[in-house]
Every structure is written in C-alpha cells, then in structure tokens.
C-alpha cells in the first residue's frame, strides 16, 4: 500500500468525526447548538476551568447574557475586591458570531483587554484596589445574515 493511502486511512477517523470545538475547559462544545444551549455549556466549562467544579455557582460573582449587533457594545458593572483573583470571560455563540472583544475598566481607564480575533475573550485579573469595575463587551463581527449575536459575560472568583 502506498504511503498516501496509509496517511488517508490514518486521517479517516478525524475526517468522519462530528464537528466540535474544544473549549478552554478542555471539554467539547458543539458550536452548532442553539445559542442559549451553547452559552449554558460554556458557562459550566468556565466554572470547571476556574474552580474544578462545573456547578460551583457560589464562585460566580457576576453573570449576564445579552445580544449585540456588529460594531455595538455594552457595559456591565461588577464589584471586585483587592487581592482577589478573578477569571473574566465573555463567550458568544459561534452559530451567529465571528468575533467579540472585551475590556475591563476602572475609573474610566482600561486595565485589561482581549481584542483577539475569536469568540471567547478571557483574562485573569487581581485588583490592586477594591471597587466597581466596568466590563465593556464589543461585538466586533456577527456572521453574515445575523443582525445580532448572543453572548454572555461571567466573572468567577478563583480564591
């Protein structure tokens, strides 16, 4: 048998597998789920990644869902305590979303940001002072044919 045939046989299981995206939690998320189901799955995955328990809602200090059109943004206020370690996530449903960005502001100044071309901006943050912080979510790009994209924003205290 030729080498190319062996390579094709080796790839066959990969080529015939269902399409899933690996989430940051190391689990498989089905990007074809309806947005609400996809975001619920990601919510649990984020909790699992941050706390080791997908049902640990006690560690979740903030959670909001919404929908934004391309180029639109919104803000959410969240209280963070000095010295705490927080994982901050925004996920958008890949069935309608191509790119979402996130910034964390304190007193009007950006202190952390994720502007990568993806559907899951995230970062960890440990405030040097307690107070109200602002999370700005910007829907950089919905998929063609979608007037808006479903998203959620989640803050999880890790310590």
N, C-alpha and C. Protein backbone atom coordinates (compact mmCIF):
# COMPACT_ATOMS: atom_id res chain seq x y z
N UNK A 1 0.84 -1.17 0.00
CA UNK A 1 0.00 0.00 0.00
C UNK A 1 0.89 1.24 0.00
N UNK A 2 0.53 2.23 -0.78
CA UNK A 2 1.33 3.45 -0.86
C UNK A 2 1.20 4.25 0.44
N UNK A 3 2.21 5.08 0.69
CA UNK A 3 2.23 5.92 1.88
C UNK A 3 1.03 6.86 1.93
N UNK A 4 0.62 7.39 0.78
CA UNK A 4 -0.53 8.31 0.76
C UNK A 4 -1.81 7.60 1.19
N UNK A 5 -1.95 6.33 0.85
CA UNK A 5 -3.12 5.58 1.28
C UNK A 5 -3.10 5.36 2.79
N UNK A 6 -1.92 5.09 3.34
CA UNK A 6 -1.80 4.92 4.79
C UNK A 6 -2.14 6.22 5.50
N UNK A 7 -1.68 7.34 4.97
CA UNK A 7 -1.98 8.64 5.57
C UNK A 7 -3.47 8.92 5.53
N UNK A 8 -4.12 8.58 4.43
CA UNK A 8 -5.56 8.78 4.30
C UNK A 8 -6.30 7.92 5.31
N UNK A 9 -5.88 6.67 5.47
CA UNK A 9 -6.52 5.79 6.44
C UNK A 9 -6.34 6.30 7.87
N UNK A 10 -5.18 6.84 8.15
CA UNK A 10 -4.91 7.38 9.48
C UNK A 10 -5.80 8.59 9.78
N UNK A 11 -6.13 9.37 8.76
CA UNK A 11 -6.96 10.57 8.94
C UNK A 11 -8.44 10.28 8.91
N UNK A 12 -8.84 9.11 8.46
CA UNK A 12 -10.26 8.80 8.30
C UNK A 12 -11.07 9.04 9.57
N UNK A 13 -10.63 8.58 10.76
CA UNK A 13 -11.43 8.86 11.96
C UNK A 13 -11.59 10.35 12.22
N UNK A 14 -10.58 11.14 11.94
CA UNK A 14 -10.64 12.58 12.15
C UNK A 14 -11.59 13.22 11.16
N UNK A 15 -11.52 12.81 9.91
CA UNK A 15 -12.35 13.40 8.87
C UNK A 15 -13.82 13.05 9.04
N UNK A 16 -14.12 11.91 9.64
CA UNK A 16 -15.51 11.50 9.78
C UNK A 16 -16.10 11.86 11.14
N UNK A 17 -15.31 12.46 12.02
CA UNK A 17 -15.79 12.83 13.35
C UNK A 17 -16.73 14.03 13.26
N UNK A 18 -17.69 14.14 14.20
CA UNK A 18 -18.57 15.30 14.21
C UNK A 18 -17.77 16.57 14.49
N UNK A 19 -18.30 17.69 14.08
CA UNK A 19 -17.60 18.97 14.24
C UNK A 19 -17.87 19.50 15.64
N UNK A 20 -16.84 19.60 16.45
CA UNK A 20 -16.92 20.18 17.78
C UNK A 20 -15.73 21.09 17.97
N UNK A 21 -15.90 22.10 18.80
CA UNK A 21 -14.79 23.00 19.13
C UNK A 21 -14.35 22.69 20.55
N UNK A 22 -13.05 22.67 20.76
CA UNK A 22 -12.57 22.44 22.11
C UNK A 22 -12.65 23.74 22.88
N UNK A 23 -13.36 23.71 23.99
CA UNK A 23 -13.48 24.90 24.81
C UNK A 23 -12.24 25.02 25.67
N UNK A 24 -12.11 26.16 26.35
CA UNK A 24 -10.97 26.39 27.21
C UNK A 24 -10.95 25.45 28.40
N UNK A 25 -12.09 24.86 28.72
CA UNK A 25 -12.17 23.95 29.85
C UNK A 25 -11.71 22.55 29.46
N UNK A 26 -11.37 22.34 28.20
CA UNK A 26 -10.90 21.05 27.76
C UNK A 26 -12.02 20.09 27.41
N UNK A 27 -13.25 20.57 27.43
CA UNK A 27 -14.38 19.74 27.04
C UNK A 27 -14.77 20.09 25.62
N UNK A 28 -15.57 19.25 25.02
CA UNK A 28 -16.00 19.52 23.66
C UNK A 28 -17.33 20.24 23.68
N UNK A 29 -17.36 21.42 23.08
CA UNK A 29 -18.59 22.19 22.95
C UNK A 29 -19.04 22.10 21.51
N UNK A 30 -20.30 21.83 21.32
CA UNK A 30 -20.84 21.73 19.98
C UNK A 30 -21.22 23.12 19.49
N UNK A 31 -20.49 23.69 18.52
CA UNK A 31 -20.77 25.05 18.06
C UNK A 31 -22.09 25.17 17.31
N UNK A 32 -22.71 24.04 16.98
CA UNK A 32 -23.98 24.07 16.25
C UNK A 32 -25.20 24.08 17.16
N UNK A 33 -24.98 24.07 18.47
CA UNK A 33 -26.10 24.14 19.39
C UNK A 33 -26.79 25.49 19.26
N UNK A 34 -28.08 25.57 19.60
CA UNK A 34 -28.72 26.89 19.68
C UNK A 34 -27.95 27.76 20.67
N UNK A 35 -27.91 29.07 20.46
CA UNK A 35 -27.09 29.95 21.30
C UNK A 35 -27.28 29.76 22.80
N UNK A 36 -28.50 29.67 23.29
CA UNK A 36 -28.73 29.54 24.74
C UNK A 36 -28.10 28.26 25.28
N UNK A 37 -28.21 27.17 24.55
CA UNK A 37 -27.62 25.90 24.99
C UNK A 37 -26.09 25.97 24.94
N UNK A 38 -25.55 26.57 23.88
CA UNK A 38 -24.10 26.69 23.77
C UNK A 38 -23.55 27.50 24.93
N UNK A 39 -24.19 28.64 25.23
CA UNK A 39 -23.71 29.50 26.31
C UNK A 39 -23.84 28.82 27.67
N UNK A 40 -24.89 28.04 27.88
CA UNK A 40 -25.03 27.29 29.14
C UNK A 40 -23.91 26.28 29.28
N UNK A 41 -23.54 25.65 28.18
CA UNK A 41 -22.44 24.68 28.19
C UNK A 41 -21.12 25.38 28.50
N UNK A 42 -20.89 26.54 27.88
CA UNK A 42 -19.67 27.30 28.12
C UNK A 42 -19.61 27.81 29.56
N UNK A 43 -20.76 28.22 30.10
CA UNK A 43 -20.81 28.70 31.49
C UNK A 43 -20.28 27.63 32.43
N UNK A 44 -20.75 26.41 32.26
CA UNK A 44 -20.27 25.30 33.10
C UNK A 44 -18.80 25.01 32.84
N UNK A 45 -18.38 25.08 31.58
CA UNK A 45 -16.98 24.84 31.25
C UNK A 45 -16.06 25.87 31.90
N UNK A 46 -16.49 27.13 31.90
CA UNK A 46 -15.69 28.18 32.54
C UNK A 46 -15.60 27.96 34.04
N UNK A 47 -16.72 27.60 34.67
CA UNK A 47 -16.69 27.30 36.10
C UNK A 47 -15.77 26.12 36.40
N UNK A 48 -15.83 25.10 35.57
CA UNK A 48 -14.97 23.94 35.76
C UNK A 48 -13.50 24.30 35.62
N UNK A 49 -13.19 25.12 34.62
CA UNK A 49 -11.80 25.52 34.41
C UNK A 49 -11.28 26.36 35.57
N UNK A 50 -12.12 27.23 36.11
CA UNK A 50 -11.68 28.15 37.16
C UNK A 50 -11.70 27.53 38.55
N UNK A 51 -12.64 26.62 38.81
CA UNK A 51 -12.80 26.10 40.17
C UNK A 51 -12.69 24.59 40.28
N UNK A 52 -12.69 23.90 39.15
CA UNK A 52 -12.67 22.44 39.18
C UNK A 52 -14.04 21.82 39.37
N UNK A 53 -15.09 22.66 39.38
CA UNK A 53 -16.45 22.18 39.58
C UNK A 53 -17.39 22.94 38.64
N UNK A 54 -17.98 22.26 37.65
CA UNK A 54 -18.83 22.95 36.68
C UNK A 54 -20.13 23.50 37.27
N UNK A 55 -20.47 23.09 38.50
CA UNK A 55 -21.70 23.54 39.14
C UNK A 55 -21.46 24.50 40.30
N UNK A 56 -20.25 25.02 40.43
CA UNK A 56 -19.87 25.88 41.55
C UNK A 56 -20.33 27.32 41.32
N UNK A 57 -21.63 27.54 41.35
CA UNK A 57 -22.17 28.89 41.12
C UNK A 57 -21.82 29.85 42.27
N UNK A 58 -21.43 29.32 43.43
CA UNK A 58 -21.05 30.19 44.55
C UNK A 58 -19.83 31.03 44.20
N UNK A 59 -18.98 30.53 43.33
CA UNK A 59 -17.77 31.27 42.92
C UNK A 59 -18.06 32.30 41.85
N UNK A 60 -19.24 32.24 41.27
CA UNK A 60 -19.63 33.14 40.18
C UNK A 60 -20.13 34.46 40.79
N UNK A 61 -19.34 35.52 40.65
CA UNK A 61 -19.73 36.81 41.25
C UNK A 61 -20.53 37.67 40.29
N UNK A 62 -20.56 37.29 39.02
CA UNK A 62 -21.31 38.06 38.03
C UNK A 62 -21.63 37.17 36.84
N UNK A 63 -22.86 37.29 36.32
CA UNK A 63 -23.24 36.58 35.10
C UNK A 63 -24.37 37.34 34.41
N UNK A 64 -24.17 37.66 33.13
CA UNK A 64 -25.20 38.32 32.33
C UNK A 64 -25.17 37.75 30.91
N UNK A 65 -26.36 37.70 30.31
CA UNK A 65 -26.46 37.33 28.90
C UNK A 65 -27.03 38.52 28.14
N UNK A 66 -26.83 38.51 26.84
CA UNK A 66 -27.37 39.57 26.01
C UNK A 66 -27.17 39.26 24.54
N UNK A 67 -27.47 40.23 23.72
CA UNK A 67 -27.26 40.12 22.27
C UNK A 67 -26.84 41.49 21.76
N UNK A 68 -25.87 41.49 20.86
CA UNK A 68 -25.36 42.73 20.27
C UNK A 68 -25.19 42.55 18.77
N UNK A 69 -25.41 43.61 18.02
CA UNK A 69 -25.15 43.62 16.59
C UNK A 69 -23.70 43.98 16.32
N UNK A 70 -23.25 43.73 15.11
CA UNK A 70 -21.88 44.06 14.72
C UNK A 70 -21.57 45.52 15.00
N UNK A 71 -20.44 45.76 15.66
CA UNK A 71 -19.99 47.11 15.98
C UNK A 71 -20.61 47.71 17.23
N UNK A 72 -21.56 47.03 17.83
CA UNK A 72 -22.23 47.55 19.04
C UNK A 72 -21.50 47.07 20.29
N UNK A 73 -21.64 47.86 21.36
CA UNK A 73 -21.02 47.48 22.62
C UNK A 73 -21.97 47.77 23.77
N UNK A 74 -21.67 47.18 24.90
CA UNK A 74 -22.43 47.40 26.12
C UNK A 74 -21.47 47.30 27.29
N UNK A 75 -21.91 47.79 28.45
CA UNK A 75 -21.07 47.72 29.64
C UNK A 75 -21.83 47.04 30.78
N UNK A 76 -21.06 46.43 31.66
CA UNK A 76 -21.59 45.79 32.87
C UNK A 76 -20.71 46.22 34.03
N UNK A 77 -21.31 46.56 35.16
CA UNK A 77 -20.56 46.92 36.36
C UNK A 77 -20.47 45.72 37.28
N UNK A 78 -19.30 45.56 37.89
CA UNK A 78 -19.07 44.45 38.81
C UNK A 78 -18.16 44.92 39.94
N UNK A 79 -18.47 44.50 41.16
CA UNK A 79 -17.64 44.83 42.31
C UNK A 79 -16.56 43.77 42.48
N UNK A 80 -15.31 44.23 42.54
CA UNK A 80 -14.17 43.33 42.73
C UNK A 80 -13.41 43.78 43.97
N UNK A 81 -12.87 42.81 44.71
CA UNK A 81 -12.14 43.11 45.94
C UNK A 81 -10.64 43.01 45.74
N UNK A 82 -9.94 43.93 46.36
CA UNK A 82 -8.48 43.95 46.33
C UNK A 82 -7.92 42.59 46.76
N UNK A 83 -6.95 42.09 45.99
CA UNK A 83 -6.29 40.83 46.32
C UNK A 83 -6.98 39.58 45.81
N UNK A 84 -8.23 39.70 45.41
CA UNK A 84 -8.93 38.54 44.85
C UNK A 84 -8.39 38.22 43.46
N UNK A 85 -8.51 36.97 43.06
CA UNK A 85 -8.14 36.58 41.71
C UNK A 85 -9.42 36.21 40.98
N UNK A 86 -9.67 36.90 39.87
CA UNK A 86 -10.91 36.73 39.13
C UNK A 86 -10.61 36.28 37.71
N UNK A 87 -11.38 35.30 37.24
CA UNK A 87 -11.35 34.91 35.84
C UNK A 87 -12.55 35.59 35.19
N UNK A 88 -12.30 36.32 34.11
CA UNK A 88 -13.35 37.09 33.45
C UNK A 88 -13.48 36.58 32.02
N UNK A 89 -14.70 36.17 31.67
CA UNK A 89 -14.98 35.54 30.39
C UNK A 89 -16.11 36.26 29.67
N UNK A 90 -16.02 36.32 28.36
CA UNK A 90 -17.16 36.59 27.50
C UNK A 90 -17.11 35.53 26.42
N UNK A 91 -18.24 34.90 26.18
CA UNK A 91 -18.35 33.91 25.11
C UNK A 91 -19.51 34.33 24.22
N UNK A 92 -19.37 34.14 22.92
CA UNK A 92 -20.52 34.34 22.04
C UNK A 92 -20.75 33.06 21.25
N UNK A 93 -22.00 32.86 20.88
CA UNK A 93 -22.40 31.63 20.21
C UNK A 93 -21.84 31.61 18.78
N UNK A 94 -21.00 30.62 18.44
CA UNK A 94 -20.37 30.59 17.13
C UNK A 94 -21.33 30.36 15.97
N UNK A 95 -22.58 29.98 16.26
CA UNK A 95 -23.54 29.82 15.17
C UNK A 95 -23.90 31.16 14.54
N UNK A 96 -23.71 32.26 15.30
CA UNK A 96 -24.03 33.59 14.78
C UNK A 96 -22.88 34.59 14.91
N UNK A 97 -21.85 34.24 15.64
CA UNK A 97 -20.78 35.19 16.00
C UNK A 97 -19.44 34.81 15.38
N UNK A 98 -18.70 35.82 14.94
CA UNK A 98 -17.34 35.58 14.43
C UNK A 98 -16.27 36.16 15.33
N UNK A 99 -16.57 37.26 16.05
CA UNK A 99 -15.54 37.90 16.86
C UNK A 99 -16.19 38.82 17.88
N UNK A 100 -15.80 38.66 19.14
CA UNK A 100 -16.25 39.54 20.22
C UNK A 100 -15.02 39.95 21.03
N UNK A 101 -15.00 41.17 21.51
CA UNK A 101 -13.88 41.71 22.28
C UNK A 101 -14.35 42.14 23.66
N UNK A 102 -13.40 42.24 24.60
CA UNK A 102 -13.75 42.60 25.97
C UNK A 102 -12.64 43.45 26.58
N UNK A 103 -13.07 44.43 27.38
CA UNK A 103 -12.15 45.29 28.13
C UNK A 103 -12.65 45.39 29.57
N UNK A 104 -11.71 45.53 30.49
CA UNK A 104 -12.03 45.79 31.89
C UNK A 104 -11.51 47.18 32.21
N UNK A 105 -12.39 48.03 32.74
CA UNK A 105 -12.03 49.41 33.06
C UNK A 105 -12.21 49.66 34.56
N UNK A 106 -11.36 50.55 35.08
CA UNK A 106 -11.51 51.03 36.45
C UNK A 106 -11.28 52.53 36.43
N UNK A 107 -12.25 53.26 36.94
CA UNK A 107 -12.21 54.73 36.91
C UNK A 107 -11.99 55.25 35.49
N UNK A 108 -12.62 54.62 34.52
CA UNK A 108 -12.55 55.07 33.13
C UNK A 108 -11.31 54.66 32.36
N UNK A 109 -10.40 53.95 33.01
CA UNK A 109 -9.14 53.55 32.37
C UNK A 109 -9.14 52.05 32.12
N UNK A 110 -8.72 51.64 30.93
CA UNK A 110 -8.63 50.21 30.59
C UNK A 110 -7.49 49.59 31.39
N UNK A 111 -7.80 48.56 32.18
CA UNK A 111 -6.78 47.87 32.96
C UNK A 111 -6.44 46.48 32.40
N UNK A 112 -7.35 45.89 31.65
CA UNK A 112 -7.10 44.62 30.94
C UNK A 112 -7.96 44.61 29.70
N UNK A 113 -7.51 43.89 28.67
CA UNK A 113 -8.29 43.80 27.44
C UNK A 113 -7.93 42.54 26.68
N UNK A 114 -8.88 42.09 25.88
CA UNK A 114 -8.66 40.97 24.97
C UNK A 114 -9.36 41.34 23.66
N UNK A 115 -8.53 41.65 22.66
CA UNK A 115 -9.04 42.02 21.34
C UNK A 115 -8.63 41.00 20.28
N UNK A 116 -8.39 39.77 20.70
CA UNK A 116 -8.03 38.73 19.73
C UNK A 116 -9.22 38.44 18.83
N UNK A 117 -8.95 37.96 17.64
CA UNK A 117 -9.99 37.64 16.67
C UNK A 117 -10.57 36.27 17.00
N UNK A 118 -11.48 36.24 18.00
CA UNK A 118 -12.07 34.97 18.43
C UNK A 118 -13.45 35.21 19.04
N UNK A 119 -14.06 34.14 19.51
CA UNK A 119 -15.40 34.21 20.09
C UNK A 119 -15.38 34.01 21.60
N UNK A 120 -14.20 34.08 22.23
CA UNK A 120 -14.13 33.82 23.67
C UNK A 120 -13.03 34.63 24.35
N UNK A 121 -13.16 35.96 24.41
CA UNK A 121 -12.16 36.74 25.14
C UNK A 121 -12.18 36.37 26.62
N UNK A 122 -11.01 36.31 27.22
CA UNK A 122 -10.90 35.97 28.63
C UNK A 122 -9.58 36.47 29.18
N UNK A 123 -9.56 36.70 30.48
CA UNK A 123 -8.32 37.02 31.18
C UNK A 123 -8.54 36.85 32.67
N UNK A 124 -7.44 36.79 33.41
CA UNK A 124 -7.47 36.79 34.86
C UNK A 124 -7.08 38.19 35.31
N UNK A 125 -7.61 38.57 36.47
CA UNK A 125 -7.32 39.91 36.98
C UNK A 125 -7.34 39.86 38.50
N UNK A 126 -6.35 40.52 39.10
CA UNK A 126 -6.29 40.67 40.55
C UNK A 126 -6.21 42.16 40.86
N UNK A 127 -7.32 42.75 41.34
CA UNK A 127 -7.34 44.19 41.56
C UNK A 127 -6.38 44.64 42.66
N UNK A 128 -5.76 45.78 42.44
CA UNK A 128 -4.90 46.36 43.47
C UNK A 128 -5.72 47.21 44.44
N UNK A 129 -6.98 47.48 44.08
CA UNK A 129 -7.89 48.18 44.99
C UNK A 129 -9.31 47.68 44.76
N UNK A 130 -10.07 47.62 45.84
CA UNK A 130 -11.47 47.20 45.74
C UNK A 130 -12.29 48.31 45.10
N UNK A 131 -13.35 47.93 44.43
CA UNK A 131 -14.23 48.93 43.85
C UNK A 131 -15.08 48.38 42.74
N UNK A 132 -15.76 49.30 42.08
CA UNK A 132 -16.61 48.94 40.96
C UNK A 132 -15.80 49.03 39.68
N UNK A 133 -15.80 47.96 38.94
CA UNK A 133 -15.10 47.87 37.66
C UNK A 133 -16.15 47.75 36.56
N UNK A 134 -15.77 48.15 35.37
CA UNK A 134 -16.68 48.09 34.22
C UNK A 134 -16.14 47.11 33.20
N UNK A 135 -16.98 46.19 32.77
CA UNK A 135 -16.63 45.27 31.69
C UNK A 135 -17.32 45.80 30.44
N UNK A 136 -16.53 46.10 29.42
CA UNK A 136 -17.09 46.55 28.14
C UNK A 136 -16.99 45.40 27.14
N UNK A 137 -18.13 45.01 26.58
CA UNK A 137 -18.20 43.95 25.58
C UNK A 137 -18.51 44.60 24.25
N UNK A 138 -17.69 44.31 23.24
CA UNK A 138 -17.94 44.84 21.89
C UNK A 138 -18.06 43.67 20.92
N UNK A 139 -19.18 43.65 20.21
CA UNK A 139 -19.39 42.63 19.19
C UNK A 139 -18.69 43.11 17.93
N UNK A 140 -17.50 42.61 17.72
CA UNK A 140 -16.70 43.05 16.56
C UNK A 140 -17.31 42.58 15.24
N UNK A 141 -17.84 41.33 15.22
CA UNK A 141 -18.38 40.83 13.95
C UNK A 141 -19.35 39.68 14.18
N UNK A 142 -20.59 39.88 13.74
CA UNK A 142 -21.55 38.78 13.66
C UNK A 142 -21.35 38.11 12.30
N UNK A 143 -21.80 36.88 12.19
CA UNK A 143 -21.73 36.19 10.90
C UNK A 143 -22.71 36.84 9.92
N UNK A 144 -22.40 36.77 8.63
CA UNK A 144 -23.33 37.32 7.63
C UNK A 144 -24.73 36.74 7.81
N UNK A 145 -25.71 37.60 7.68
CA UNK A 145 -27.10 37.17 7.81
C UNK A 145 -27.63 37.21 9.23
N UNK A 146 -26.80 37.60 10.19
CA UNK A 146 -27.23 37.68 11.59
C UNK A 146 -27.19 39.14 12.04
N UNK A 147 -28.35 39.66 12.42
CA UNK A 147 -28.45 41.05 12.87
C UNK A 147 -27.82 41.24 14.25
N UNK A 148 -27.81 40.18 15.06
CA UNK A 148 -27.20 40.26 16.38
C UNK A 148 -26.64 38.90 16.77
N UNK A 149 -25.81 38.91 17.80
CA UNK A 149 -25.15 37.70 18.29
C UNK A 149 -25.41 37.57 19.78
N UNK A 150 -25.77 36.37 20.22
CA UNK A 150 -25.96 36.09 21.65
C UNK A 150 -24.59 35.95 22.31
N UNK A 151 -24.48 36.48 23.53
CA UNK A 151 -23.22 36.38 24.28
C UNK A 151 -23.54 36.26 25.76
N UNK A 152 -22.54 35.89 26.54
CA UNK A 152 -22.64 36.02 27.99
C UNK A 152 -21.31 36.53 28.51
N UNK A 153 -21.37 37.17 29.68
CA UNK A 153 -20.19 37.63 30.39
C UNK A 153 -20.26 37.05 31.79
N UNK A 154 -19.11 36.56 32.25
CA UNK A 154 -19.06 35.81 33.50
C UNK A 154 -17.79 36.18 34.26
N UNK A 155 -17.93 36.42 35.56
CA UNK A 155 -16.78 36.68 36.43
C UNK A 155 -16.80 35.63 37.53
N UNK A 156 -15.67 34.94 37.67
CA UNK A 156 -15.56 33.85 38.65
C UNK A 156 -14.41 34.17 39.59
N UNK A 157 -14.68 34.14 40.90
CA UNK A 157 -13.63 34.35 41.89
C UNK A 157 -12.91 33.03 42.09
N UNK A 158 -11.59 33.08 41.93
CA UNK A 158 -10.81 31.84 41.99
C UNK A 158 -10.19 31.57 43.36
N UNK A 159 -10.17 32.56 44.24
CA UNK A 159 -9.60 32.30 45.57
C UNK A 159 -10.45 32.90 46.65
